[in-house]
Amino acid sequence: RTMKTAESVAETVSKVAEADSAAVNTLESAGEKVVKSIEVAEVAAEAAITDISADAKVVASLESTATDVIKEMKAAEIIAETVASNAATDAKAVSSMETKA
């Protein structure tokens, strides 16, 4: 009877050990999947950072270009004002000459 009890205990221990081994394998597999998912997320994050960096460079370039355009527009405005002023002066001079003539 002691022998049967010992065999039964041994079988139970063996089954528990097999179940534990299967659980450990499942955990290892799940852990590997988590690691792979993290690696994929890291790659995606790095790509996003690269995209953001590139976008920031484009925005900086656009800001610089916009600043240049504004400067050119101001210069054109000053030239237009000078031309208008010269035209008004010329018109006065012509009018004066016509009056004198």
C-alpha atoms as a PDB file:
ATOM      1  CA  ARG A   1       0.000   0.000   0.000  1.00  0.00           C
ATOM      2  CA  THR A   2       2.829   2.447   0.742  1.00  0.00           C
ATOM      3  CA  MET A   3       4.284   1.650  -2.644  1.00  0.00           C
ATOM      4  CA  LYS A   4       1.009   2.519  -4.394  1.00  0.00           C
ATOM      5  CA  THR A   5       0.780   5.758  -2.453  1.00  0.00           C
ATOM      6  CA  ALA A   6       4.351   6.611  -3.382  1.00  0.00           C
ATOM      7  CA  GLU A   7       3.643   5.827  -7.038  1.00  0.00           C
ATOM      8  CA  SER A   8       0.522   7.976  -6.925  1.00  0.00           C
ATOM      9  CA  VAL A   9       2.446  10.856  -5.348  1.00  0.00           C
ATOM     10  CA  ALA A  10       5.204  10.420  -7.939  1.00  0.00           C
ATOM     11  CA  GLU A  11       2.651  10.503 -10.768  1.00  0.00           C
ATOM     12  CA  THR A  12       1.028  13.616  -9.323  1.00  0.00           C
ATOM     13  CA  VAL A  13       4.398  15.307  -8.935  1.00  0.00           C
ATOM     14  CA  SER A  14       5.293  14.324 -12.496  1.00  0.00           C
ATOM     15  CA  LYS A  15       2.016  15.720 -13.854  1.00  0.00           C
ATOM     16  CA  VAL A  16       2.479  18.945 -11.889  1.00  0.00           C
ATOM     17  CA  ALA A  17       6.040  19.220 -13.173  1.00  0.00           C
ATOM     18  CA  GLU A  18       4.836  18.690 -16.753  1.00  0.00           C
ATOM     19  CA  ALA A  19       2.113  21.304 -16.289  1.00  0.00           C
ATOM     20  CA  ASP A  20       4.651  23.708 -14.776  1.00  0.00           C
ATOM     21  CA  SER A  21       7.011  23.066 -17.676  1.00  0.00           C
ATOM     22  CA  ALA A  22       4.238  23.769 -20.172  1.00  0.00           C
ATOM     23  CA  ALA A  23       3.337  26.960 -18.293  1.00  0.00           C
ATOM     24  CA  VAL A  24       6.996  28.070 -18.337  1.00  0.00           C
ATOM     25  CA  ASN A  25       7.150  27.402 -22.097  1.00  0.00           C
ATOM     26  CA  THR A  26       3.983  29.425 -22.602  1.00  0.00           C
ATOM     27  CA  LEU A  27       5.424  32.284 -20.534  1.00  0.00           C
ATOM     28  CA  GLU A  28       8.668  32.194 -22.505  1.00  0.00           C
ATOM     29  CA  SER A  29       6.752  32.280 -25.773  1.00  0.00           C
ATOM     30  CA  ALA A  30       4.603  35.166 -24.554  1.00  0.00           C
ATOM     31  CA  GLY A  31       7.731  36.975 -23.366  1.00  0.00           C
ATOM     32  CA  GLU A  32       9.352  36.570 -26.783  1.00  0.00           C
ATOM     33  CA  LYS A  33       6.217  37.984 -28.429  1.00  0.00           C
ATOM     34  CA  VAL A  34       6.283  40.958 -26.057  1.00  0.00           C
ATOM     35  CA  VAL A  35       9.951  41.584 -26.860  1.00  0.00           C
ATOM     36  CA  LYS A  36       9.230  41.420 -30.603  1.00  0.00           C
ATOM     37  CA  SER A  37       6.312  43.816 -30.183  1.00  0.00           C
ATOM     38  CA  ILE A  38       8.527  46.229 -28.273  1.00  0.00           C
ATOM     39  CA  GLU A  39      11.191  46.009 -30.983  1.00  0.00           C
ATOM     40  CA  VAL A  40       8.589  46.787 -33.657  1.00  0.00           C
ATOM     41  CA  ALA A  41       7.319  49.712 -31.578  1.00  0.00           C
ATOM     42  CA  GLU A  42      10.885  51.001 -31.174  1.00  0.00           C
ATOM     43  CA  VAL A  43      11.461  50.871 -34.932  1.00  0.00           C
ATOM     44  CA  ALA A  44       8.173  52.682 -35.535  1.00  0.00           C
ATOM     45  CA  ALA A  45       9.053  55.296 -32.911  1.00  0.00           C
ATOM     46  CA  GLU A  46      12.485  55.846 -34.469  1.00  0.00           C
ATOM     47  CA  ALA A  47      10.877  56.246 -37.888  1.00  0.00           C
ATOM     48  CA  ALA A  48       8.380  58.730 -36.438  1.00  0.00           C
ATOM     49  CA  ILE A  49      11.206  60.688 -34.803  1.00  0.00           C
ATOM     50  CA  THR A  50      13.050  60.774 -38.123  1.00  0.00           C
ATOM     51  CA  ASP A  51       9.877  61.987 -39.860  1.00  0.00           C
ATOM     52  CA  ILE A  52       9.298  64.641 -37.201  1.00  0.00           C
ATOM     53  CA  SER A  53      12.900  65.793 -37.515  1.00  0.00           C
ATOM     54  CA  ALA A  54      12.558  66.014 -41.300  1.00  0.00           C
ATOM     55  CA  ASP A  55       9.263  67.894 -40.923  1.00  0.00           C
ATOM     56  CA  ALA A  56      10.881  70.310 -38.475  1.00  0.00           C
ATOM     57  CA  LYS A  57      13.650  71.001 -41.007  1.00  0.00           C
ATOM     58  CA  VAL A  58      11.054  71.655 -43.719  1.00  0.00           C
ATOM     59  CA  VAL A  59       9.140  73.991 -41.410  1.00  0.00           C
ATOM     60  CA  ALA A  60      12.345  75.843 -40.513  1.00  0.00           C
ATOM     61  CA  SER A  61      13.158  76.176 -44.202  1.00  0.00           C
ATOM     62  CA  LEU A  62       9.647  77.422 -44.952  1.00  0.00           C
ATOM     63  CA  GLU A  63       9.882  79.938 -42.109  1.00  0.00           C
ATOM     64  CA  SER A  64      13.191  81.186 -43.483  1.00  0.00           C
ATOM     65  CA  THR A  65      11.743  81.409 -46.987  1.00  0.00           C
ATOM     66  CA  ALA A  66       8.662  83.224 -45.685  1.00  0.00           C
ATOM     67  CA  THR A  67      10.906  85.708 -43.872  1.00  0.00           C
ATOM     68  CA  ASP A  68      12.834  86.287 -47.102  1.00  0.00           C
ATOM     69  CA  VAL A  69       9.586  86.783 -49.038  1.00  0.00           C
ATOM     70  CA  ILE A  70       8.379  89.326 -46.466  1.00  0.00           C
ATOM     71  CA  LYS A  71      11.673  91.231 -46.739  1.00  0.00           C
ATOM     72  CA  GLU A  72      11.398  91.256 -50.542  1.00  0.00           C
ATOM     73  CA  MET A  73       7.783  92.437 -50.322  1.00  0.00           C
ATOM     74  CA  LYS A  74       8.805  95.290 -48.007  1.00  0.00           C
ATOM     75  CA  ALA A  75      11.619  96.246 -50.386  1.00  0.00           C
ATOM     76  CA  ALA A  76       9.170  96.170 -53.318  1.00  0.00           C
ATOM     77  CA  GLU A  77       6.748  98.320 -51.304  1.00  0.00           C
ATOM     78  CA  ILE A  78       9.486 100.904 -50.650  1.00  0.00           C
ATOM     79  CA  ILE A  79      10.406 100.922 -54.347  1.00  0.00           C
ATOM     80  CA  ALA A  80       6.740 101.343 -55.315  1.00  0.00           C
ATOM     81  CA  GLU A  81       6.378 104.244 -52.864  1.00  0.00           C
ATOM     82  CA  THR A  82       9.523 105.858 -54.298  1.00  0.00           C
ATOM     83  CA  VAL A  83       8.247 105.418 -57.859  1.00  0.00           C
ATOM     84  CA  ALA A  84       4.872 106.890 -56.866  1.00  0.00           C
ATOM     85  CA  SER A  85       6.571 109.827 -55.151  1.00  0.00           C
ATOM     86  CA  ASN A  86       8.814 110.420 -58.179  1.00  0.00           C
ATOM     87  CA  ALA A  87       5.790 110.239 -60.475  1.00  0.00           C
ATOM     88  CA  ALA A  88       3.974 112.805 -58.352  1.00  0.00           C
ATOM     89  CA  THR A  89       7.028 115.066 -58.413  1.00  0.00           C
ATOM     90  CA  ASP A  90       7.340 114.625 -62.171  1.00  0.00           C
ATOM     91  CA  ALA A  91       3.639 115.366 -62.604  1.00  0.00           C
ATOM     92  CA  LYS A  92       4.038 118.604 -60.622  1.00  0.00           C
ATOM     93  CA  ALA A  93       7.067 119.574 -62.687  1.00  0.00           C
ATOM     94  CA  VAL A  94       5.194 118.900 -65.948  1.00  0.00           C
ATOM     95  CA  SER A  95       2.207 120.849 -64.681  1.00  0.00           C
ATOM     96  CA  SER A  96       4.474 123.738 -63.723  1.00  0.00           C
ATOM     97  CA  MET A  97       6.145 123.682 -67.128  1.00  0.00           C
ATOM     98  CA  GLU A  98       2.757 123.629 -68.846  1.00  0.00           C
ATOM     99  CA  THR A  99       1.655 126.593 -66.769  1.00  0.00           C
ATOM    100  CA  LYS A 100       4.827 128.496 -67.624  1.00  0.00           C
ATOM    101  CA  ALA A 101       4.555 127.561 -71.260  1.00  0.00           C
END
